């Protein structure tokens, strides 16, 4: 096994590519945060990543997050939910997650707030915006975001908005992918002019293993990287 075939080697290569993309965009390397996505990977893989200094991990499902959080309790791990969240899972998210990056509708915001009040917690959130036409992609329409942010600020104080998130179109055309990222950045810039109280828009979570360099060049402040760090995912056979 060569160095690049190890988790340490893959992580180093991703960090190098992030720095290079920042340089091309005229940005400082530390202007982009790496969120390792550990979904479907075993706890041992997370432990290996922790040994390399990583302490924050992205998960898609509350059940898997809870299992890993229990196994790694007391070790300073922060768990970020990045997958579509069903309203009936709000209780789990309010109890276990450090952050939610896929807030995309009012009924979920209300359910989370109610549960967070019960837990005596607040939760950092990113609002997910749909920037592609693919039916498989979740997110709010851009036109709905301003009113949604105002409602969060006035009705759901346990939700601390930190920015926006999107998933780009799955396309071999870089121009189509860039357009999704550019649309989110431009929306953020427009929203900043409104200066909604108690709403931060400093963060743009966009870019994954296959397109993160384009995202950085278009203004991403956080990239969500899974397979390029942990390796190819092995999904269970359908029953």
Protein backbone atom coordinates (compact mmCIF):
# COMPACT_ATOMS: atom_id res chain seq x y z
CA UNK A 1 0.00 0.00 0.00
CA UNK A 2 1.39 3.39 -0.98
CA UNK A 3 1.11 6.45 1.23
CA UNK A 4 -1.69 7.92 -0.90
CA UNK A 5 -3.74 4.74 -0.29
CA UNK A 6 -3.87 5.44 3.45
CA UNK A 7 -6.31 7.75 5.19
CA UNK A 8 -3.40 9.98 6.18
CA UNK A 9 -2.20 10.14 2.59
CA UNK A 10 -5.63 10.90 1.18
CA UNK A 11 -6.21 13.59 3.81
CA UNK A 12 -2.88 15.24 3.01
CA UNK A 13 -3.72 15.23 -0.69
CA UNK A 14 -7.13 16.82 -0.09
CA UNK A 15 -5.60 19.50 2.10
CA UNK A 16 -3.07 20.20 -0.64
CA UNK A 17 -5.81 20.48 -3.28
CA UNK A 18 -7.81 22.83 -1.05
CA UNK A 19 -4.75 25.06 -0.64
CA UNK A 20 -4.13 25.05 -4.39
CA UNK A 21 -7.74 25.93 -5.16
CA UNK A 22 -7.56 28.79 -2.66
CA UNK A 23 -4.39 30.04 -4.31
CA UNK A 24 -6.05 30.02 -7.74
CA UNK A 25 -8.95 32.00 -6.30
CA UNK A 26 -6.67 34.49 -4.56
CA UNK A 27 -7.84 33.33 -1.14
CA UNK A 28 -6.02 32.36 2.05
CA UNK A 29 -5.85 28.57 2.60
CA UNK A 30 -7.40 28.95 6.05
CA UNK A 31 -10.50 30.59 4.54
CA UNK A 32 -11.89 27.13 3.73
CA UNK A 33 -12.85 24.57 6.38
CA UNK A 34 -12.76 20.85 5.69
CA UNK A 35 -15.71 18.80 6.97
CA UNK A 36 -14.82 15.09 6.74
CA UNK A 37 -17.98 13.11 5.94
CA UNK A 38 -17.90 9.84 7.83
CA UNK A 39 -21.34 8.53 6.84
CA UNK A 40 -21.40 4.73 6.27
CA UNK A 41 -17.81 4.36 7.53
CA UNK A 42 -17.12 2.45 10.72
CA UNK A 43 -16.16 3.96 14.07
CA UNK A 44 -12.60 2.70 13.58
CA UNK A 45 -12.24 4.93 10.52
CA UNK A 46 -13.39 7.91 12.57
CA UNK A 47 -10.87 7.01 15.28
CA UNK A 48 -8.12 6.88 12.65
CA UNK A 49 -9.15 10.32 11.41
CA UNK A 50 -9.22 11.64 14.98
CA UNK A 51 -5.63 10.45 15.42
CA UNK A 52 -4.75 12.75 12.51
CA UNK A 53 -6.26 15.73 14.33
CA UNK A 54 -9.82 15.75 12.94
CA UNK A 55 -12.56 16.33 15.51
CA UNK A 56 -15.62 17.29 13.45
CA UNK A 57 -17.48 14.85 11.22
CA UNK A 58 -20.49 14.94 8.91
CA UNK A 59 -23.24 12.33 9.06
CA UNK A 60 -26.40 11.85 7.00
CA UNK A 61 -28.61 9.92 9.39
CA UNK A 62 -29.45 10.53 13.03
CA UNK A 63 -29.32 6.83 13.92
CA UNK A 64 -25.79 6.39 12.61
CA UNK A 65 -24.70 9.63 14.26
CA UNK A 66 -26.09 8.47 17.59
CA UNK A 67 -24.30 5.13 17.41
CA UNK A 68 -20.95 6.75 16.65
CA UNK A 69 -21.47 9.48 19.23
CA UNK A 70 -22.09 6.82 21.88
CA UNK A 71 -18.95 4.92 20.88
CA UNK A 72 -16.83 8.08 20.99
CA UNK A 73 -18.47 9.82 23.94
CA UNK A 74 -16.24 12.15 25.93
CA UNK A 75 -13.61 12.47 23.20
CA UNK A 76 -14.51 15.96 22.01
CA UNK A 77 -16.09 14.97 18.69
CA UNK A 78 -18.51 17.37 17.03
CA UNK A 79 -21.23 15.81 14.87
CA UNK A 80 -22.71 17.66 11.92
CA UNK A 81 -25.89 16.47 10.23
CA UNK A 82 -25.70 17.14 6.50
CA UNK A 83 -28.44 14.84 5.13
CA UNK A 84 -32.11 15.54 4.58
CA UNK A 85 -33.79 15.44 7.98
CA UNK A 86 -37.33 14.15 8.46
CA UNK A 87 -39.39 16.14 10.92
CA UNK A 88 -39.94 13.09 13.11
CA UNK A 89 -36.16 12.91 13.61
CA UNK A 90 -35.96 16.43 15.06
CA UNK A 91 -35.75 15.03 18.59
CA UNK A 92 -32.65 13.02 17.72
CA UNK A 93 -30.99 15.96 16.00
CA UNK A 94 -31.75 18.30 18.89
CA UNK A 95 -30.23 15.82 21.34
CA UNK A 96 -27.11 14.62 19.50
CA UNK A 97 -26.00 17.00 16.73
CA UNK A 98 -23.64 19.91 17.13
CA UNK A 99 -24.86 21.45 13.91
CA UNK A 100 -27.40 20.91 11.12
CA UNK A 101 -26.51 21.95 7.58
CA UNK A 102 -29.75 20.90 5.89
CA UNK A 103 -32.47 23.10 7.37
CA UNK A 104 -34.87 23.50 4.46
CA UNK A 105 -38.44 24.12 5.67
CA UNK A 106 -40.49 25.81 8.35
CA UNK A 107 -42.07 22.72 9.90
CA UNK A 108 -38.61 21.28 10.55
CA UNK A 109 -37.46 24.56 12.10
CA UNK A 110 -40.50 24.54 14.39
CA UNK A 111 -39.96 20.90 15.41
CA UNK A 112 -36.28 21.47 16.11
CA UNK A 113 -36.97 24.59 18.16
CA UNK A 114 -39.55 22.80 20.28
CA UNK A 115 -37.15 19.93 20.97
CA UNK A 116 -34.21 22.22 21.64
CA UNK A 117 -36.22 24.12 24.22
CA UNK A 118 -36.88 20.81 25.97
CA UNK A 119 -33.16 19.95 25.82
CA UNK A 120 -32.08 23.40 26.99
CA UNK A 121 -29.81 23.71 23.95
CA UNK A 122 -29.23 25.85 20.90
CA UNK A 123 -28.18 24.49 17.52
CA UNK A 124 -26.05 26.03 14.77
CA UNK A 125 -27.79 25.64 11.43
CA UNK A 126 -27.19 26.29 7.75
CA UNK A 127 -30.17 26.81 5.47
CA UNK A 128 -30.10 24.46 2.50
CA UNK A 129 -30.95 26.10 -0.81
CA UNK A 130 -31.85 24.24 -3.99
CA UNK A 131 -29.67 25.53 -6.82
CA UNK A 132 -30.14 22.71 -9.33
CA UNK A 133 -33.23 21.36 -11.09
CA UNK A 134 -32.56 17.74 -10.12
CA UNK A 135 -35.56 16.17 -8.32
CA UNK A 136 -33.18 14.24 -6.05
CA UNK A 137 -31.77 17.42 -4.54
CA UNK A 138 -33.39 19.01 -1.49
CA UNK A 139 -33.43 22.64 -0.44
CA UNK A 140 -35.53 25.78 -0.33
CA UNK A 141 -36.21 27.90 -3.38
CA UNK A 142 -33.98 30.96 -3.24
CA UNK A 143 -37.01 33.27 -3.29
CA UNK A 144 -38.27 31.78 -0.01
CA UNK A 145 -35.05 32.21 1.93
CA UNK A 146 -35.34 35.88 3.06
CA UNK A 147 -38.72 35.38 4.74
CA UNK A 148 -37.56 32.08 6.23
CA UNK A 149 -34.51 33.70 7.81
CA UNK A 150 -36.65 36.46 9.31
CA UNK A 151 -39.04 33.88 10.74
CA UNK A 152 -36.18 31.93 12.34
CA UNK A 153 -34.80 35.10 13.89
CA UNK A 154 -38.15 36.07 15.41
CA UNK A 155 -39.81 32.73 16.23
CA UNK A 156 -37.08 30.14 16.72
CA UNK A 157 -34.26 31.65 18.81
CA UNK A 158 -32.73 28.23 19.57
CA UNK A 159 -31.67 27.98 15.90
CA UNK A 160 -28.49 29.94 15.27
CA UNK A 161 -28.22 30.57 11.53
CA UNK A 162 -24.58 30.59 10.43
CA UNK A 163 -24.92 30.54 6.64
CA UNK A 164 -26.18 28.60 3.63
CA UNK A 165 -25.60 25.18 2.08
CA UNK A 166 -26.22 23.69 -1.35
CA UNK A 167 -25.51 20.64 -3.49
CA UNK A 168 -24.54 21.28 -7.09
CA UNK A 169 -26.01 19.53 -10.10
CA UNK A 170 -24.47 16.16 -10.94
CA UNK A 171 -23.06 17.10 -14.33
CA UNK A 172 -19.83 16.55 -16.26
CA UNK A 173 -20.03 20.18 -17.38
CA UNK A 174 -18.02 22.36 -14.98
CA UNK A 175 -19.97 25.43 -16.07
CA UNK A 176 -23.24 23.89 -14.85
CA UNK A 177 -21.66 22.94 -11.54
CA UNK A 178 -20.12 26.38 -11.10
CA UNK A 179 -23.48 28.00 -11.78
CA UNK A 180 -24.98 26.27 -8.74
CA UNK A 181 -22.20 27.45 -6.47
CA UNK A 182 -22.26 30.95 -7.91
CA UNK A 183 -26.02 31.17 -7.37
CA UNK A 184 -25.62 30.43 -3.66
CA UNK A 185 -22.84 32.97 -3.25
CA UNK A 186 -24.87 35.63 -5.04
CA UNK A 187 -27.91 34.86 -2.90
CA UNK A 188 -25.79 35.21 0.23
CA UNK A 189 -24.48 38.56 -0.99
CA UNK A 190 -28.02 39.80 -1.61
CA UNK A 191 -29.20 38.62 1.79
CA UNK A 192 -26.35 40.38 3.53
CA UNK A 193 -27.75 43.68 2.31
CA UNK A 194 -30.90 42.98 4.33
CA UNK A 195 -28.81 42.65 7.52
CA UNK A 196 -31.31 40.41 9.34
CA UNK A 197 -30.67 40.63 13.07
CA UNK A 198 -29.24 37.51 14.74
CA UNK A 199 -28.61 35.84 11.38
CA UNK A 200 -25.02 35.21 10.30
CA UNK A 201 -24.28 34.50 6.66
CA UNK A 202 -20.53 34.09 6.95
CA UNK A 203 -20.51 30.44 5.92
CA UNK A 204 -21.17 28.82 2.54
CA UNK A 205 -21.06 25.03 2.73
CA UNK A 206 -20.71 23.83 -0.84
CA UNK A 207 -18.51 21.34 -2.63
CA UNK A 208 -17.96 17.62 -2.20
CA UNK A 209 -15.32 15.10 -3.27
CA UNK A 210 -16.03 15.51 -6.98
CA UNK A 211 -16.46 19.26 -7.23
CA UNK A 212 -14.96 20.98 -4.18
CA UNK A 213 -12.28 22.83 -6.13
CA UNK A 214 -14.90 24.53 -8.29
CA UNK A 215 -16.83 25.40 -5.13
CA UNK A 216 -13.78 27.00 -3.54
CA UNK A 217 -13.15 29.05 -6.66
CA UNK A 218 -16.76 30.26 -6.44
CA UNK A 219 -16.57 31.27 -2.78
CA UNK A 220 -17.17 28.19 -0.61
CA UNK A 221 -16.04 28.50 2.99
CA UNK A 222 -16.55 24.81 3.81
CA UNK A 223 -16.24 21.64 1.74
CA UNK A 224 -17.83 18.31 2.67
CA UNK A 225 -15.43 15.50 1.73
CA UNK A 226 -16.14 11.82 2.28
CA UNK A 227 -14.82 9.26 -0.19
CA UNK A 228 -11.75 11.30 -1.13
CA UNK A 229 -10.63 10.96 2.50
CA UNK A 230 -12.13 7.72 3.77
CA UNK A 231 -12.15 5.72 0.52
CA UNK A 232 -14.91 4.10 -1.48
CA UNK A 233 -18.11 3.53 0.44
CA UNK A 234 -19.54 0.04 0.79
CA UNK A 235 -23.32 0.14 0.95
CA UNK A 236 -25.30 -2.86 2.21
CA UNK A 237 -27.12 -4.94 -0.37
CA UNK A 238 -30.82 -4.02 -0.64
CA UNK A 239 -33.11 -6.48 1.09
